[in-house]
Amino acid sequence: MESKVERFVKHATFTIERTYAANPEKVYRAWSDPVAKAKWFSKADEFDFRVGGREYSSGGPPEGPVFTFDACYQEIVPEQRIVYTYTLDMNETRISVSTTTVEFAPAAGGTKLTFTEQAAFFDGHDTPEIREHGTGEMLDALGKLMEEADGRTAPKVEGKGITNQREYNFTQQQLFAAWTNPKLLARWWGPNGFTNTYHEFDLRQGADWRYTMHGPNGVDYPNHMKLVEITPSEKIILDHQGSPEFRLTATFDDLGGGRTRLTFDQQFAKAEEFVEAVKYCVEANEQNLDRLGALLIETAGVQ
């Protein structure tokens, strides 16, 4: 006598949030364009991105089962929301039916994505915990793609210098304005949690920039920079006075198509100060460039 297969349904809802260093338009495109989506999701055999349209893919590892993803788009609000329902089959067995909502919102650092899945899992072939974990890895892969698409490169530490570099989907003039308008500069300058008050600011060669950085710990850090050289939309060179003593060179390279590469280069005068600064400056500078990107997105590169 054959034993009966146990049949049961487990319902579950999970939400995953991620913040990507790219604007909502770019993150949305990674979901709505089949070529872009294939870079982080399974390549679709059919992709019809419209309300009522179908996305279908089938495949799996050479030695393993075939998984079939069959989705229908229920609602699309460009750059704001995508809602779709889908079934997932393993070989000939249906293992789940889901409703998924993907929301996009501007946020510090670029875009906050909220992924919510409401699913019915059948007969123990899959579990909410496994699905949530796999979805998290999938969204991390999307984040890596967004970083690559935003032109992030690994910081370089050589000699007594630290170089951070970033590409932005904004013009040289828009980036230059964020550096030379003190109201804008005060909003992004420094690592996460810092704010600034500028006391003296002048764009003439040899001028002094005096400002106070207000740390998230409540401590104030007075700073004094001297403007060594300025070439409109192309280059700014500043000497930081006092400890640590360093020269900061910011160059803005036009990549065409409204895209600009910013090179943020610090060269320290004293080896001992460099050794101490490198412990925090590499990551702090990356946060600084993240904040600049977020400001450009928020203000749409206002000049």
Protein backbone atom coordinates (compact mmCIF):
# COMPACT_ATOMS: atom_id res chain seq x y z
CA MET A 1 0.00 0.00 0.00
CA GLU A 2 1.46 3.34 -1.08
CA SER A 3 1.87 5.99 1.60
CA LYS A 4 0.00 9.21 1.07
CA VAL A 5 2.00 12.38 0.38
CA GLU A 6 1.41 14.95 3.07
CA ARG A 7 -0.23 18.04 1.63
CA PHE A 8 -0.12 21.37 3.39
CA VAL A 9 0.24 25.08 2.73
CA LYS A 10 2.37 27.55 4.64
CA HIS A 11 1.58 31.25 4.23
CA ALA A 12 4.22 33.87 4.86
CA THR A 13 5.09 37.51 4.21
CA PHE A 14 8.55 39.00 4.32
CA THR A 15 9.97 42.45 3.56
CA ILE A 16 13.55 43.26 2.60
CA GLU A 17 14.95 46.78 2.29
CA ARG A 18 18.07 47.86 0.46
CA THR A 19 19.56 51.28 -0.30
CA TYR A 20 21.47 51.59 -3.56
CA ALA A 21 23.91 54.28 -4.65
CA ALA A 22 21.97 55.00 -7.82
CA ASN A 23 18.93 57.13 -8.59
CA PRO A 24 15.42 55.60 -8.82
CA GLU A 25 15.46 55.80 -12.60
CA LYS A 26 18.53 53.57 -12.81
CA VAL A 27 17.31 51.06 -10.22
CA TYR A 28 13.90 50.90 -11.89
CA ARG A 29 15.59 50.30 -15.26
CA ALA A 30 17.38 47.30 -13.75
CA TRP A 31 13.92 45.76 -13.25
CA SER A 32 12.19 46.94 -16.41
CA ASP A 33 14.88 46.39 -19.06
CA PRO A 34 15.45 42.70 -19.96
CA VAL A 35 19.16 43.14 -20.73
CA ALA A 36 19.83 44.94 -17.43
CA LYS A 37 17.71 42.50 -15.42
CA ALA A 38 19.48 39.45 -16.88
CA LYS A 39 22.71 40.69 -15.24
CA TRP A 40 21.38 40.01 -11.73
CA PHE A 41 18.22 37.89 -12.19
CA SER A 42 17.65 34.73 -14.22
CA LYS A 43 17.67 35.44 -17.96
CA ALA A 44 14.08 35.57 -19.25
CA ASP A 45 12.82 33.39 -22.07
CA GLU A 46 9.93 35.82 -22.38
CA PHE A 47 9.84 39.40 -21.09
CA ASP A 48 6.82 41.64 -21.67
CA PHE A 49 7.07 44.52 -19.21
CA ARG A 50 3.57 46.00 -19.11
CA VAL A 51 0.47 45.54 -17.01
CA GLY A 52 -0.82 42.11 -17.96
CA GLY A 53 2.54 41.20 -19.52
CA ARG A 54 4.41 38.00 -18.79
CA GLU A 55 7.94 37.27 -17.62
CA TYR A 56 8.93 33.63 -17.97
CA SER A 57 12.18 31.76 -17.42
CA SER A 58 13.08 28.09 -16.98
CA GLY A 59 16.40 26.52 -16.06
CA GLY A 60 18.69 25.36 -13.31
CA PRO A 61 22.03 23.76 -12.53
CA PRO A 62 23.23 20.94 -14.84
CA GLU A 63 22.85 18.32 -12.14
CA GLY A 64 19.82 19.75 -10.43
CA PRO A 65 16.11 20.29 -10.91
CA VAL A 66 14.60 22.67 -13.44
CA PHE A 67 12.97 25.72 -11.88
CA THR A 68 10.29 27.58 -13.79
CA PHE A 69 9.44 31.18 -12.93
CA ASP A 70 6.18 32.40 -14.50
CA ALA A 71 5.10 35.96 -13.62
CA CYS A 72 2.37 38.38 -14.62
CA TYR A 73 2.69 42.12 -14.04
CA GLN A 74 -0.33 43.49 -12.17
CA GLU A 75 0.64 47.13 -11.66
CA ILE A 76 3.48 49.36 -12.86
CA VAL A 77 4.09 52.92 -11.65
CA PRO A 78 7.35 53.99 -13.35
CA GLU A 79 10.20 54.61 -10.89
CA GLN A 80 7.83 54.10 -7.94
CA ARG A 81 6.25 50.65 -7.82
CA ILE A 82 6.08 47.27 -9.57
CA VAL A 83 3.58 44.62 -8.51
CA TYR A 84 3.58 41.13 -10.00
CA THR A 85 2.25 37.68 -9.22
CA TYR A 86 4.25 34.56 -9.99
CA THR A 87 4.35 30.80 -9.69
CA LEU A 88 7.51 28.81 -9.07
CA ASP A 89 7.74 25.18 -10.19
CA MET A 90 10.44 22.60 -9.48
CA ASN A 91 10.41 20.15 -12.37
CA GLU A 92 6.70 19.30 -12.66
CA THR A 93 5.82 20.28 -9.10
CA ARG A 94 4.43 23.67 -8.14
CA ILE A 95 6.18 24.81 -4.98
CA SER A 96 4.78 28.32 -4.42
CA VAL A 97 2.50 31.11 -5.59
CA SER A 98 3.43 34.70 -4.69
CA THR A 99 2.42 38.33 -4.90
CA THR A 100 5.42 40.65 -4.92
CA THR A 101 5.59 44.43 -4.53
CA VAL A 102 8.80 46.33 -5.33
CA GLU A 103 8.85 49.98 -4.23
CA PHE A 104 11.43 52.63 -5.17
CA ALA A 105 11.96 55.85 -3.19
CA PRO A 106 14.68 58.53 -3.22
CA ALA A 107 16.93 58.24 -0.18
CA ALA A 108 20.31 59.30 1.12
CA GLY A 109 22.82 57.42 -0.97
CA GLY A 110 20.46 57.10 -3.95
CA THR A 111 17.40 54.83 -3.80
CA LYS A 112 15.65 52.89 -1.08
CA LEU A 113 14.14 49.69 -2.46
CA THR A 114 11.47 47.85 -0.46
CA PHE A 115 10.71 44.30 -1.57
CA THR A 116 7.61 42.67 -0.06
CA GLU A 117 6.57 39.12 -0.93
CA GLN A 118 3.35 37.43 0.19
CA ALA A 119 3.48 33.72 -0.63
CA ALA A 120 1.82 30.35 -0.27
CA PHE A 121 4.42 27.56 0.00
CA PHE A 122 3.25 24.06 -0.84
CA ASP A 123 4.04 20.74 0.85
CA GLY A 124 7.43 21.71 2.26
CA HIS A 125 9.25 21.94 -1.08
CA ASP A 126 10.41 25.44 -0.14
CA THR A 127 10.27 27.52 3.03
CA PRO A 128 9.81 31.24 3.77
CA GLU A 129 13.26 31.36 5.39
CA ILE A 130 15.00 29.90 2.33
CA ARG A 131 13.06 32.18 -0.02
CA GLU A 132 13.86 35.29 2.03
CA HIS A 133 17.54 34.39 2.18
CA GLY A 134 17.71 33.76 -1.56
CA THR A 135 15.88 37.00 -2.30
CA GLY A 136 18.32 38.92 -0.09
CA GLU A 137 21.25 37.50 -2.06
CA MET A 138 19.49 38.43 -5.29
CA LEU A 139 19.01 42.03 -4.12
CA ASP A 140 22.66 42.16 -3.05
CA ALA A 141 23.60 41.13 -6.60
CA LEU A 142 21.47 44.02 -7.86
CA GLY A 143 23.32 46.33 -5.48
CA LYS A 144 26.68 45.19 -6.81
CA LEU A 145 25.47 45.90 -10.33
CA MET A 146 24.35 49.37 -9.27
CA GLU A 147 27.78 50.07 -7.79
CA GLU A 148 29.48 48.99 -10.99
CA ALA A 149 27.02 51.03 -13.05
CA ASP A 150 27.76 54.08 -10.89
CA GLY A 151 31.45 53.84 -11.65
CA ARG A 152 32.71 52.99 -8.19
CA THR A 153 36.36 52.03 -8.08
CA ALA A 154 38.40 50.78 -5.16
CA PRO A 155 40.23 53.55 -3.28
CA LYS A 156 44.00 53.67 -3.80
CA VAL A 157 46.52 54.13 -0.99
CA GLU A 158 50.03 54.86 -2.30
CA GLY A 159 53.00 56.67 -0.82
CA LYS A 160 51.49 59.28 1.46
CA GLY A 161 48.30 59.65 -0.57
CA ILE A 162 44.70 58.44 -0.69
CA THR A 163 42.73 58.60 -3.92
CA ASN A 164 38.98 58.02 -4.13
CA GLN A 165 37.15 58.12 -7.45
CA ARG A 166 33.50 58.13 -8.46
CA GLU A 167 31.46 58.61 -11.63
CA TYR A 168 28.18 60.52 -11.52
CA ASN A 169 25.34 60.94 -13.99
CA PHE A 170 25.71 64.70 -13.75
CA THR A 171 27.68 67.28 -15.73
CA GLN A 172 30.99 68.85 -14.75
CA GLN A 173 29.14 72.11 -14.09
CA GLN A 174 26.67 70.42 -11.73
CA LEU A 175 29.42 68.74 -9.70
CA PHE A 176 31.47 71.93 -9.66
CA ALA A 177 28.47 73.85 -8.30
CA ALA A 178 28.13 71.37 -5.43
CA TRP A 179 31.75 72.17 -4.50
CA THR A 180 31.62 75.94 -4.98
CA ASN A 181 28.20 76.84 -3.56
CA PRO A 182 28.75 76.96 0.22
CA LYS A 183 25.10 76.19 0.96
CA LEU A 184 25.36 72.97 -1.05
CA LEU A 185 28.87 72.13 0.13
CA ALA A 186 27.80 72.39 3.76
CA ARG A 187 25.13 69.71 3.17
CA TRP A 188 27.38 66.93 1.90
CA TRP A 189 30.90 67.64 3.11
CA GLY A 190 32.29 65.06 5.52
CA PRO A 191 31.44 61.46 6.44
CA ASN A 192 28.03 60.23 7.53
CA GLY A 193 26.43 62.15 10.38
CA PHE A 194 28.45 65.36 9.98
CA THR A 195 27.07 68.83 9.30
CA ASN A 196 28.96 72.03 8.56
CA THR A 197 28.92 75.75 9.23
CA TYR A 198 30.97 77.92 6.85
CA HIS A 199 32.38 81.11 8.36
CA GLU A 200 34.58 82.27 5.48
CA PHE A 201 34.30 81.22 1.83
CA ASP A 202 35.78 82.81 -1.29
CA LEU A 203 36.44 81.43 -4.77
CA ARG A 204 39.47 83.62 -5.49
CA GLN A 205 42.88 81.96 -5.66
CA GLY A 206 44.64 82.22 -2.31
CA ALA A 207 41.37 82.70 -0.41
CA ASP A 208 40.60 81.08 2.92
CA TRP A 209 37.81 78.61 3.59
CA ARG A 210 37.07 78.46 7.30
CA TYR A 211 34.34 76.17 8.57
CA THR A 212 33.32 74.03 11.52
CA MET A 213 32.41 70.38 11.09
CA HIS A 214 29.81 69.28 13.65
CA GLY A 215 30.26 65.62 14.49
CA PRO A 216 27.42 63.22 15.32
CA ASN A 217 29.03 62.88 18.77
CA GLY A 218 28.37 66.57 19.45
CA VAL A 219 32.01 67.56 19.05
CA ASP A 220 32.92 70.54 16.82
CA TYR A 221 35.98 70.36 14.55
CA PRO A 222 37.28 73.75 13.29
CA ASN A 223 38.86 73.53 9.81
CA HIS A 224 40.87 75.90 7.66
CA MET A 225 41.48 75.35 3.95
CA LYS A 226 43.40 77.65 1.57
CA LEU A 227 42.32 77.74 -2.06
CA VAL A 228 45.47 77.08 -4.11
CA GLU A 229 44.00 76.75 -7.60
CA ILE A 230 40.59 76.74 -9.23
CA THR A 231 39.74 76.00 -12.86
CA PRO A 232 35.97 76.37 -13.45
CA SER A 233 34.24 72.99 -13.91
CA GLU A 234 37.59 71.17 -14.09
CA LYS A 235 39.75 71.38 -10.97
CA ILE A 236 39.96 72.63 -7.38
CA ILE A 237 43.12 72.40 -5.27
CA LEU A 238 42.96 73.09 -1.52
CA ASP A 239 45.62 72.99 1.19
CA HIS A 240 44.38 71.92 4.61
CA GLN A 241 46.01 74.07 7.27
CA GLY A 242 47.05 72.61 10.60
CA SER A 243 46.91 68.93 11.53
CA PRO A 244 46.68 66.85 9.47
CA GLU A 245 48.47 68.82 6.78
CA PHE A 246 47.47 67.71 3.29
CA ARG A 247 46.72 68.92 -0.23
CA LEU A 248 43.32 67.97 -1.66
CA THR A 249 42.96 67.95 -5.44
CA ALA A 250 39.50 67.47 -6.92
CA THR A 251 39.35 66.96 -10.68
CA PHE A 252 36.16 66.75 -12.75
CA ASP A 253 36.55 64.80 -16.01
CA ASP A 254 33.82 65.01 -18.64
CA LEU A 255 32.92 61.48 -19.79
CA GLY A 256 30.26 62.63 -22.25
CA GLY A 257 26.52 62.10 -22.12
CA GLY A 258 26.16 64.23 -18.99
CA ARG A 259 28.45 61.92 -16.98
CA THR A 260 31.45 63.09 -14.94
CA ARG A 261 34.30 61.34 -13.14
CA LEU A 262 35.38 62.94 -9.87
CA THR A 263 38.87 62.17 -8.58
CA PHE A 264 39.34 63.05 -4.90
CA ASP A 265 43.08 62.94 -4.11
CA GLN A 266 44.67 63.66 -0.73
CA GLN A 267 48.44 63.96 -0.42
CA PHE A 268 49.73 64.25 3.14
CA ALA A 269 52.80 66.26 4.06
CA LYS A 270 53.91 64.16 7.04
CA ALA A 271 54.23 60.39 7.09
CA GLU A 272 53.08 60.06 10.69
CA GLU A 273 49.89 62.05 10.00
CA PHE A 274 49.24 59.96 6.90
CA VAL A 275 49.55 56.72 8.89
CA GLU A 276 46.90 57.92 11.33
CA ALA A 277 44.62 59.44 8.68
CA VAL A 278 44.54 56.38 6.46
CA LYS A 279 42.84 54.46 9.28
CA TYR A 280 39.65 56.47 8.80
CA CYS A 281 39.99 58.62 5.66
CA VAL A 282 39.58 55.85 3.07
CA GLU A 283 36.07 54.96 4.24
CA ALA A 284 35.22 58.53 5.31
CA ASN A 285 36.01 59.77 1.80
CA GLU A 286 33.78 57.08 0.29
CA GLN A 287 30.95 58.24 2.55
CA ASN A 288 31.69 61.81 1.52
CA LEU A 289 31.30 60.91 -2.17
CA ASP A 290 28.12 58.97 -1.37
CA ARG A 291 26.68 62.07 0.27
CA LEU A 292 27.65 64.18 -2.74
CA GLY A 293 25.80 61.74 -5.00
CA ALA A 294 22.73 61.84 -2.78
CA LEU A 295 22.74 65.64 -2.82
CA LEU A 296 22.99 65.72 -6.61
CA ILE A 297 20.03 63.36 -6.88
CA GLU A 298 18.00 65.34 -4.34
CA THR A 299 18.67 68.69 -5.96
CA ALA A 300 18.74 67.30 -9.54
CA GLY A 301 22.17 68.86 -9.86
CA VAL A 302 21.01 72.43 -9.27
CA GLN A 303 23.76 74.85 -10.32
